[in-house]
Amino acid sequence: MPEEQLPETMNAVTAVNLALRGTEGPVYGPLTFTAPASGLTVLSGRGGSGRTALALTLAGRMASTTGEVTVLGKTKRWPSLAWSRLMPWIGT
């Protein structure tokens, strides 16, 4: 089966006011950003800055405290449950 092509002008990821707060304070955010569907996007930052938690949120493996994220056209808003059920392509 041929791989589906995304339009070059489409964003693969759009996040609006995405934030995670843990028991000891903020982990990341609030963040608002886009990552284009084409090219390479790098997530960088100092140790302890929340990179892994943000990557897990974008992959549907960790819930954010607040905000909205759209990945390949599927949108999720927090607070809410069952984010990973909306992201069936994760791990494939």
PDB file of N, CA and C in Angstrom:
ATOM      1  N   MET A   1       0.840  -1.166   0.000  1.00  0.00           N
ATOM      2  CA  MET A   1       0.000   0.000   0.000  1.00  0.00           C
ATOM      3  C   MET A   1       0.894   1.240   0.000  1.00  0.00           C
ATOM      4  N   PRO A   2       0.631   2.215  -0.890  1.00  0.00           N
ATOM      5  CA  PRO A   2       1.484   3.401  -0.940  1.00  0.00           C
ATOM      6  C   PRO A   2       1.316   4.255   0.309  1.00  0.00           C
ATOM      7  N   GLU A   3       2.416   4.881   0.721  1.00  0.00           N
ATOM      8  CA  GLU A   3       2.393   5.753   1.886  1.00  0.00           C
ATOM      9  C   GLU A   3       1.671   7.047   1.547  1.00  0.00           C
ATOM     10  N   GLU A   4       0.799   7.491   2.438  1.00  0.00           N
ATOM     11  CA  GLU A   4       0.042   8.722   2.217  1.00  0.00           C
ATOM     12  C   GLU A   4       0.978   9.923   2.304  1.00  0.00           C
ATOM     13  N   GLN A   5       0.877  10.819   1.339  1.00  0.00           N
ATOM     14  CA  GLN A   5       1.698  12.014   1.309  1.00  0.00           C
ATOM     15  C   GLN A   5       0.937  13.173   1.941  1.00  0.00           C
ATOM     16  N   LEU A   6       1.608  13.934   2.791  1.00  0.00           N
ATOM     17  CA  LEU A   6       1.002  15.107   3.408  1.00  0.00           C
ATOM     18  C   LEU A   6       1.327  16.333   2.572  1.00  0.00           C
ATOM     19  N   PRO A   7       0.398  17.275   2.454  1.00  0.00           N
ATOM     20  CA  PRO A   7       0.692  18.502   1.734  1.00  0.00           C
ATOM     21  C   PRO A   7       1.862  19.234   2.389  1.00  0.00           C
ATOM     22  N   GLU A   8       2.730  19.840   1.589  1.00  0.00           N
ATOM     23  CA  GLU A   8       3.898  20.524   2.138  1.00  0.00           C
ATOM     24  C   GLU A   8       3.531  21.681   3.053  1.00  0.00           C
ATOM     25  N   THR A   9       2.360  22.278   2.844  1.00  0.00           N
ATOM     26  CA  THR A   9       1.954  23.413   3.671  1.00  0.00           C
ATOM     27  C   THR A   9       1.296  22.973   4.974  1.00  0.00           C
ATOM     28  N   MET A  10       1.016  21.696   5.128  1.00  0.00           N
ATOM     29  CA  MET A  10       0.362  21.194   6.335  1.00  0.00           C
ATOM     30  C   MET A  10       1.367  21.073   7.479  1.00  0.00           C
ATOM     31  N   ASN A  11       0.899  21.364   8.687  1.00  0.00           N
ATOM     32  CA  ASN A  11       1.725  21.144   9.866  1.00  0.00           C
ATOM     33  C   ASN A  11       1.477  19.733  10.384  1.00  0.00           C
ATOM     34  N   ALA A  12       2.543  19.028  10.713  1.00  0.00           N
ATOM     35  CA  ALA A  12       2.402  17.696  11.299  1.00  0.00           C
ATOM     36  C   ALA A  12       1.926  17.820  12.741  1.00  0.00           C
ATOM     37  N   VAL A  13       2.412  18.858  13.444  1.00  0.00           N
ATOM     38  CA  VAL A  13       2.056  19.075  14.847  1.00  0.00           C
ATOM     39  C   VAL A  13       1.750  20.553  15.066  1.00  0.00           C
ATOM     40  N   THR A  14       0.657  20.815  15.757  1.00  0.00           N
ATOM     41  CA  THR A  14       0.328  22.164  16.211  1.00  0.00           C
ATOM     42  C   THR A  14      -0.055  22.071  17.676  1.00  0.00           C
ATOM     43  N   ALA A  15       0.614  22.826  18.522  1.00  0.00           N
ATOM     44  CA  ALA A  15       0.312  22.841  19.950  1.00  0.00           C
ATOM     45  C   ALA A  15      -0.059  24.261  20.366  1.00  0.00           C
ATOM     46  N   VAL A  16      -1.084  24.375  21.201  1.00  0.00           N
ATOM     47  CA  VAL A  16      -1.544  25.679  21.680  1.00  0.00           C
ATOM     48  C   VAL A  16      -1.684  25.617  23.207  1.00  0.00           C
ATOM     49  N   ASN A  17      -0.903  26.452  23.882  1.00  0.00           N
ATOM     50  CA  ASN A  17      -0.935  26.541  25.356  1.00  0.00           C
ATOM     51  C   ASN A  17      -0.781  25.177  26.025  1.00  0.00           C
ATOM     52  N   LEU A  18       0.066  24.334  25.485  1.00  0.00           N
ATOM     53  CA  LEU A  18       0.311  23.000  26.018  1.00  0.00           C
ATOM     54  C   LEU A  18       1.211  23.109  27.251  1.00  0.00           C
ATOM     55  N   ALA A  19       0.772  22.533  28.364  1.00  0.00           N
ATOM     56  CA  ALA A  19       1.545  22.620  29.604  1.00  0.00           C
ATOM     57  C   ALA A  19       1.332  21.367  30.440  1.00  0.00           C
ATOM     58  N   LEU A  20       2.357  21.029  31.200  1.00  0.00           N
ATOM     59  CA  LEU A  20       2.284  19.912  32.139  1.00  0.00           C
ATOM     60  C   LEU A  20       2.797  20.388  33.481  1.00  0.00           C
ATOM     61  N   ARG A  21       2.011  20.147  34.499  1.00  0.00           N
ATOM     62  CA  ARG A  21       2.402  20.502  35.866  1.00  0.00           C
ATOM     63  C   ARG A  21       2.401  19.230  36.701  1.00  0.00           C
ATOM     64  N   GLY A  22       3.498  18.995  37.391  1.00  0.00           N
ATOM     65  CA  GLY A  22       3.618  17.835  38.262  1.00  0.00           C
ATOM     66  C   GLY A  22       3.434  18.220  39.716  1.00  0.00           C
ATOM     67  N   THR A  23       3.635  17.276  40.605  1.00  0.00           N
ATOM     68  CA  THR A  23       3.457  17.533  42.035  1.00  0.00           C
ATOM     69  C   THR A  23       4.485  18.527  42.571  1.00  0.00           C
ATOM     70  N   GLU A  24       5.624  18.650  41.897  1.00  0.00           N
ATOM     71  CA  GLU A  24       6.669  19.568  42.353  1.00  0.00           C
ATOM     72  C   GLU A  24       6.745  20.843  41.525  1.00  0.00           C
ATOM     73  N   GLY A  25       5.738  21.098  40.690  1.00  0.00           N
ATOM     74  CA  GLY A  25       5.726  22.327  39.914  1.00  0.00           C
ATOM     75  C   GLY A  25       5.659  22.057  38.425  1.00  0.00           C
ATOM     76  N   PRO A  26       5.903  23.103  37.614  1.00  0.00           N
ATOM     77  CA  PRO A  26       5.796  22.958  36.165  1.00  0.00           C
ATOM     78  C   PRO A  26       6.867  22.025  35.591  1.00  0.00           C
ATOM     79  N   VAL A  27       6.453  21.204  34.627  1.00  0.00           N
ATOM     80  CA  VAL A  27       7.383  20.321  33.918  1.00  0.00           C
ATOM     81  C   VAL A  27       7.757  20.972  32.586  1.00  0.00           C
ATOM     82  N   TYR A  28       6.762  21.467  31.850  1.00  0.00           N
ATOM     83  CA  TYR A  28       6.987  22.257  30.640  1.00  0.00           C
ATOM     84  C   TYR A  28       5.791  23.167  30.405  1.00  0.00           C
ATOM     85  N   GLY A  29       6.033  24.201  29.620  1.00  0.00           N
ATOM     86  CA  GLY A  29       4.985  25.076  29.128  1.00  0.00           C
ATOM     87  C   GLY A  29       4.540  26.158  30.080  1.00  0.00           C
ATOM     88  N   PRO A  30       3.562  26.887  29.599  1.00  0.00           N
ATOM     89  CA  PRO A  30       2.757  26.641  28.409  1.00  0.00           C
ATOM     90  C   PRO A  30       3.534  26.928  27.119  1.00  0.00           C
ATOM     91  N   LEU A  31       3.328  26.056  26.134  1.00  0.00           N
ATOM     92  CA  LEU A  31       4.012  26.133  24.841  1.00  0.00           C
ATOM     93  C   LEU A  31       3.003  26.252  23.723  1.00  0.00           C
ATOM     94  N   THR A  32       3.300  27.090  22.742  1.00  0.00           N
ATOM     95  CA  THR A  32       2.529  27.185  21.517  1.00  0.00           C
ATOM     96  C   THR A  32       3.529  27.099  20.376  1.00  0.00           C
ATOM     97  N   PHE A  33       3.362  26.108  19.491  1.00  0.00           N
ATOM     98  CA  PHE A  33       4.312  25.927  18.397  1.00  0.00           C
ATOM     99  C   PHE A  33       3.693  25.084  17.287  1.00  0.00           C
ATOM    100  N   THR A  34       4.355  25.087  16.131  1.00  0.00           N
ATOM    101  CA  THR A  34       3.996  24.198  15.024  1.00  0.00           C
ATOM    102  C   THR A  34       5.253  23.495  14.541  1.00  0.00           C
ATOM    103  N   ALA A  35       5.074  22.303  14.002  1.00  0.00           N
ATOM    104  CA  ALA A  35       6.155  21.545  13.360  1.00  0.00           C
ATOM    105  C   ALA A  35       5.644  21.162  11.972  1.00  0.00           C
ATOM    106  N   PRO A  36       6.348  21.571  10.923  1.00  0.00           N
ATOM    107  CA  PRO A  36       5.870  21.296   9.568  1.00  0.00           C
ATOM    108  C   PRO A  36       5.888  19.808   9.237  1.00  0.00           C
ATOM    109  N   ALA A  37       5.058  19.438   8.271  1.00  0.00           N
ATOM    110  CA  ALA A  37       4.981  18.040   7.842  1.00  0.00           C
ATOM    111  C   ALA A  37       6.206  17.623   7.043  1.00  0.00           C
ATOM    112  N   SER A  38       6.905  18.582   6.476  1.00  0.00           N
ATOM    113  CA  SER A  38       8.104  18.253   5.701  1.00  0.00           C
ATOM    114  C   SER A  38       9.336  18.752   6.443  1.00  0.00           C
ATOM    115  N   GLY A  39      10.463  18.155   6.149  1.00  0.00           N
ATOM    116  CA  GLY A  39      11.704  18.574   6.779  1.00  0.00           C
ATOM    117  C   GLY A  39      11.948  17.869   8.097  1.00  0.00           C
ATOM    118  N   LEU A  40      12.793  18.464   8.909  1.00  0.00           N
ATOM    119  CA  LEU A  40      13.199  17.883  10.186  1.00  0.00           C
ATOM    120  C   LEU A  40      12.950  18.899  11.289  1.00  0.00           C
ATOM    121  N   THR A  41      12.342  18.467  12.369  1.00  0.00           N
ATOM    122  CA  THR A  41      12.123  19.314  13.532  1.00  0.00           C
ATOM    123  C   THR A  41      12.872  18.707  14.704  1.00  0.00           C
ATOM    124  N   VAL A  42      13.628  19.533  15.416  1.00  0.00           N
ATOM    125  CA  VAL A  42      14.441  19.067  16.532  1.00  0.00           C
ATOM    126  C   VAL A  42      13.880  19.629  17.829  1.00  0.00           C
ATOM    127  N   LEU A  43      13.716  18.773  18.811  1.00  0.00           N
ATOM    128  CA  LEU A  43      13.301  19.169  20.148  1.00  0.00           C
ATOM    129  C   LEU A  43      14.557  19.197  21.009  1.00  0.00           C
ATOM    130  N   SER A  44      14.948  20.393  21.447  1.00  0.00           N
ATOM    131  CA  SER A  44      16.185  20.499  22.230  1.00  0.00           C
ATOM    132  C   SER A  44      15.949  21.348  23.468  1.00  0.00           C
ATOM    133  N   GLY A  45      16.833  21.203  24.441  1.00  0.00           N
ATOM    134  CA  GLY A  45      16.755  21.974  25.672  1.00  0.00           C
ATOM    135  C   GLY A  45      17.701  21.399  26.702  1.00  0.00           C
ATOM    136  N   ARG A  46      17.884  22.134  27.797  1.00  0.00           N
ATOM    137  CA  ARG A  46      18.764  21.681  28.878  1.00  0.00           C
ATOM    138  C   ARG A  46      18.172  20.447  29.555  1.00  0.00           C
ATOM    139  N   GLY A  47      19.018  19.724  30.238  1.00  0.00           N
ATOM    140  CA  GLY A  47      18.546  18.605  31.043  1.00  0.00           C
ATOM    141  C   GLY A  47      17.545  19.088  32.074  1.00  0.00           C
ATOM    142  N   GLY A  48      16.460  18.363  32.259  1.00  0.00           N
ATOM    143  CA  GLY A  48      15.444  18.744  33.219  1.00  0.00           C
ATOM    144  C   GLY A  48      14.460  19.779  32.708  1.00  0.00           C
ATOM    145  N   SER A  49      14.528  20.103  31.413  1.00  0.00           N
ATOM    146  CA  SER A  49      13.649  21.144  30.865  1.00  0.00           C
ATOM    147  C   SER A  49      12.299  20.613  30.397  1.00  0.00           C
ATOM    148  N   GLY A  50      12.075  19.297  30.460  1.00  0.00           N
ATOM    149  CA  GLY A  50      10.790  18.724  30.084  1.00  0.00           C
ATOM    150  C   GLY A  50      10.734  18.158  28.675  1.00  0.00           C
ATOM    151  N   ARG A  51      11.904  17.996  28.030  1.00  0.00           N
ATOM    152  CA  ARG A  51      11.933  17.465  26.650  1.00  0.00           C
ATOM    153  C   ARG A  51      11.260  16.103  26.549  1.00  0.00           C
ATOM    154  N   THR A  52      11.617  15.185  27.410  1.00  0.00           N
ATOM    155  CA  THR A  52      11.068  13.829  27.336  1.00  0.00           C
ATOM    156  C   THR A  52       9.576  13.833  27.613  1.00  0.00           C
ATOM    157  N   ALA A  53       9.138  14.595  28.606  1.00  0.00           N
ATOM    158  CA  ALA A  53       7.715  14.674  28.917  1.00  0.00           C
ATOM    159  C   ALA A  53       6.941  15.253  27.740  1.00  0.00           C
ATOM    160  N   LEU A  54       7.485  16.277  27.084  1.00  0.00           N
ATOM    161  CA  LEU A  54       6.826  16.857  25.914  1.00  0.00           C
ATOM    162  C   LEU A  54       6.764  15.839  24.778  1.00  0.00           C
ATOM    163  N   ALA A  55       7.852  15.140  24.523  1.00  0.00           N
ATOM    164  CA  ALA A  55       7.858  14.119  23.467  1.00  0.00           C
ATOM    165  C   ALA A  55       6.836  13.025  23.765  1.00  0.00           C
ATOM    166  N   LEU A  56       6.734  12.611  25.010  1.00  0.00           N
ATOM    167  CA  LEU A  56       5.742  11.600  25.388  1.00  0.00           C
ATOM    168  C   LEU A  56       4.320  12.117  25.212  1.00  0.00           C
ATOM    169  N   THR A  57       4.091  13.382  25.511  1.00  0.00           N
ATOM    170  CA  THR A  57       2.770  13.978  25.299  1.00  0.00           C
ATOM    171  C   THR A  57       2.426  13.981  23.819  1.00  0.00           C
ATOM    172  N   LEU A  58       3.364  14.407  22.975  1.00  0.00           N
ATOM    173  CA  LEU A  58       3.114  14.458  21.544  1.00  0.00           C
ATOM    174  C   LEU A  58       2.906  13.069  20.948  1.00  0.00           C
ATOM    175  N   ALA A  59       3.521  12.052  21.568  1.00  0.00           N
ATOM    176  CA  ALA A  59       3.358  10.672  21.100  1.00  0.00           C
ATOM    177  C   ALA A  59       2.102  10.008  21.658  1.00  0.00           C
ATOM    178  N   GLY A  60       1.373  10.713  22.511  1.00  0.00           N
ATOM    179  CA  GLY A  60       0.158  10.144  23.081  1.00  0.00           C
ATOM    180  C   GLY A  60       0.395   9.226  24.247  1.00  0.00           C
ATOM    181  N   ARG A  61       1.577   9.290  24.849  1.00  0.00           N
ATOM    182  CA  ARG A  61       1.918   8.399  25.967  1.00  0.00           C
ATOM    183  C   ARG A  61       1.857   9.071  27.323  1.00  0.00           C
ATOM    184  N   MET A  62       1.675  10.409  27.349  1.00  0.00           N
ATOM    185  CA  MET A  62       1.578  11.136  28.609  1.00  0.00           C
ATOM    186  C   MET A  62       0.576  12.266  28.417  1.00  0.00           C
ATOM    187  N   ALA A  63      -0.331  12.405  29.358  1.00  0.00           N
ATOM    188  CA  ALA A  63      -1.320  13.480  29.271  1.00  0.00           C
ATOM    189  C   ALA A  63      -0.703  14.793  29.698  1.00  0.00           C
ATOM    190  N   SER A  64      -1.122  15.851  29.049  1.00  0.00           N
ATOM    191  CA  SER A  64      -0.739  17.192  29.446  1.00  0.00           C
ATOM    192  C   SER A  64      -1.746  17.682  30.478  1.00  0.00           C
ATOM    193  N   THR A  65      -1.389  18.691  31.243  1.00  0.00           N
ATOM    194  CA  THR A  65      -2.316  19.256  32.209  1.00  0.00           C
ATOM    195  C   THR A  65      -3.325  20.163  31.518  1.00  0.00           C
ATOM    196  N   THR A  66      -2.847  20.991  30.592  1.00  0.00           N
ATOM    197  CA  THR A  66      -3.706  21.910  29.857  1.00  0.00           C
ATOM    198  C   THR A  66      -3.224  22.033  28.426  1.00  0.00           C
ATOM    199  N   GLY A  67      -4.074  22.586  27.579  1.00  0.00           N
ATOM    200  CA  GLY A  67      -3.684  22.899  26.212  1.00  0.00           C
ATOM    201  C   GLY A  67      -4.363  22.032  25.184  1.00  0.00           C
ATOM    202  N   GLU A  68      -3.900  22.220  23.962  1.00  0.00           N
ATOM    203  CA  GLU A  68      -4.458  21.517  22.811  1.00  0.00           C
ATOM    204  C   GLU A  68      -3.317  21.144  21.879  1.00  0.00           C
ATOM    205  N   VAL A  69      -3.369  19.934  21.344  1.00  0.00           N
ATOM    206  CA  VAL A  69      -2.364  19.510  20.368  1.00  0.00           C
ATOM    207  C   VAL A  69      -3.074  18.820  19.211  1.00  0.00           C
ATOM    208  N   THR A  70      -2.624  19.132  18.005  1.00  0.00           N
ATOM    209  CA  THR A  70      -3.123  18.474  16.804  1.00  0.00           C
ATOM    210  C   THR A  70      -1.940  17.775  16.150  1.00  0.00           C
ATOM    211  N   VAL A  71      -2.059  16.467  15.964  1.00  0.00           N
ATOM    212  CA  VAL A  71      -1.017  15.662  15.326  1.00  0.00           C
ATOM    213  C   VAL A  71      -1.636  15.000  14.107  1.00  0.00           C
ATOM    214  N   LEU A  72      -1.116  15.323  12.933  1.00  0.00           N
ATOM    215  CA  LEU A  72      -1.597  14.778  11.665  1.00  0.00           C
ATOM    216  C   LEU A  72      -3.115  14.900  11.541  1.00  0.00           C
ATOM    217  N   GLY A  73      -3.644  16.053  11.942  1.00  0.00           N
ATOM    218  CA  GLY A  73      -5.061  16.333  11.764  1.00  0.00           C
ATOM    219  C   GLY A  73      -5.976  15.888  12.884  1.00  0.00           C
ATOM    220  N   LYS A  74      -5.457  15.184  13.887  1.00  0.00           N
ATOM    221  CA  LYS A  74      -6.282  14.736  15.016  1.00  0.00           C
ATOM    222  C   LYS A  74      -5.983  15.616  16.218  1.00  0.00           C
ATOM    223  N   THR A  75      -7.037  16.212  16.780  1.00  0.00           N
ATOM    224  CA  THR A  75      -6.879  17.180  17.861  1.00  0.00           C
ATOM    225  C   THR A  75      -7.284  16.585  19.196  1.00  0.00           C
ATOM    226  N   LYS A  76      -6.521  16.952  20.228  1.00  0.00           N
ATOM    227  CA  LYS A  76      -6.813  16.551  21.601  1.00  0.00           C
ATOM    228  C   LYS A  76      -6.684  17.779  22.483  1.00  0.00           C
ATOM    229  N   ARG A  77      -7.659  17.973  23.375  1.00  0.00           N
ATOM    230  CA  ARG A  77      -7.652  19.088  24.319  1.00  0.00           C
ATOM    231  C   ARG A  77      -7.572  18.543  25.737  1.00  0.00           C
ATOM    232  N   TRP A  78      -6.873  19.252  26.605  1.00  0.00           N
ATOM    233  CA  TRP A  78      -6.783  18.877  28.011  1.00  0.00           C
ATOM    234  C   TRP A  78      -7.443  19.943  28.845  1.00  0.00           C
ATOM    235  N   PRO A  79      -7.964  19.596  30.020  1.00  0.00           N
ATOM    236  CA  PRO A  79      -7.893  18.276  30.636  1.00  0.00           C
ATOM    237  C   PRO A  79      -8.902  17.312  30.029  1.00  0.00           C
ATOM    238  N   SER A  80      -8.485  16.078  29.833  1.00  0.00           N
ATOM    239  CA  SER A  80      -9.321  15.017  29.292  1.00  0.00           C
ATOM    240  C   SER A  80      -8.606  13.692  29.477  1.00  0.00           C
ATOM    241  N   LEU A  81      -9.319  12.599  29.250  1.00  0.00           N
ATOM    242  CA  LEU A  81      -8.750  11.261  29.397  1.00  0.00           C
ATOM    243  C   LEU A  81      -8.638  10.577  28.047  1.00  0.00           C
ATOM    244  N   ALA A  82      -7.915   9.489  28.012  1.00  0.00           N
ATOM    245  CA  ALA A  82      -7.844   8.582  26.862  1.00  0.00           C
ATOM    246  C   ALA A  82      -7.194   9.203  25.632  1.00  0.00           C
ATOM    247  N   TRP A  83      -6.201  10.049  25.814  1.00  0.00           N
ATOM    248  CA  TRP A  83      -5.476  10.640  24.685  1.00  0.00           C
ATOM    249  C   TRP A  83      -4.883   9.566  23.787  1.00  0.00           C
ATOM    250  N   SER A  84      -4.315   8.538  24.345  1.00  0.00           N
ATOM    251  CA  SER A  84      -3.639   7.526  23.534  1.00  0.00           C
ATOM    252  C   SER A  84      -4.592   6.783  22.611  1.00  0.00           C
ATOM    253  N   ARG A  85      -5.884   6.717  22.941  1.00  0.00           N
ATOM    254  CA  ARG A  85      -6.834   6.044  22.054  1.00  0.00           C
ATOM    255  C   ARG A  85      -7.058   6.833  20.769  1.00  0.00           C
ATOM    256  N   LEU A  86      -6.781   8.138  20.788  1.00  0.00           N
ATOM    257  CA  LEU A  86      -6.946   8.958  19.585  1.00  0.00           C
ATOM    258  C   LEU A  86      -5.720   8.885  18.673  1.00  0.00           C
ATOM    259  N   MET A  87      -4.656   8.247  19.105  1.00  0.00           N
ATOM    260  CA  MET A  87      -3.414   8.210  18.352  1.00  0.00           C
ATOM    261  C   MET A  87      -3.058   6.769  17.967  1.00  0.00           C
ATOM    262  N   PRO A  88      -3.846   6.121  17.111  1.00  0.00           N
ATOM    263  CA  PRO A  88      -3.628   4.706  16.835  1.00  0.00           C
ATOM    264  C   PRO A  88      -2.344   4.415  16.065  1.00  0.00           C
ATOM    265  N   TRP A  89      -1.731   5.392  15.426  1.00  0.00           N
ATOM    266  CA  TRP A  89      -0.528   5.120  14.642  1.00  0.00           C
ATOM    267  C   TRP A  89       0.723   5.060  15.503  1.00  0.00           C
ATOM    268  N   ILE A  90       0.638   5.428  16.776  1.00  0.00           N
ATOM    269  CA  ILE A  90       1.804   5.402  17.645  1.00  0.00           C
ATOM    270  C   ILE A  90       2.271   3.953  17.798  1.00  0.00           C
ATOM    271  N   GLY A  91       3.546   3.748  17.637  1.00  0.00           N
ATOM    272  CA  GLY A  91       4.119   2.423  17.815  1.00  0.00           C
ATOM    273  C   GLY A  91       3.991   1.527  16.589  1.00  0.00           C
ATOM    274  N   THR A  92       3.544   2.064  15.452  1.00  0.00           N
ATOM    275  CA  THR A  92       3.435   1.240  14.252  1.00  0.00           C
ATOM    276  C   THR A  92       4.551   1.537  13.299  1.00  0.00           C
TER     277      THR A  92
END
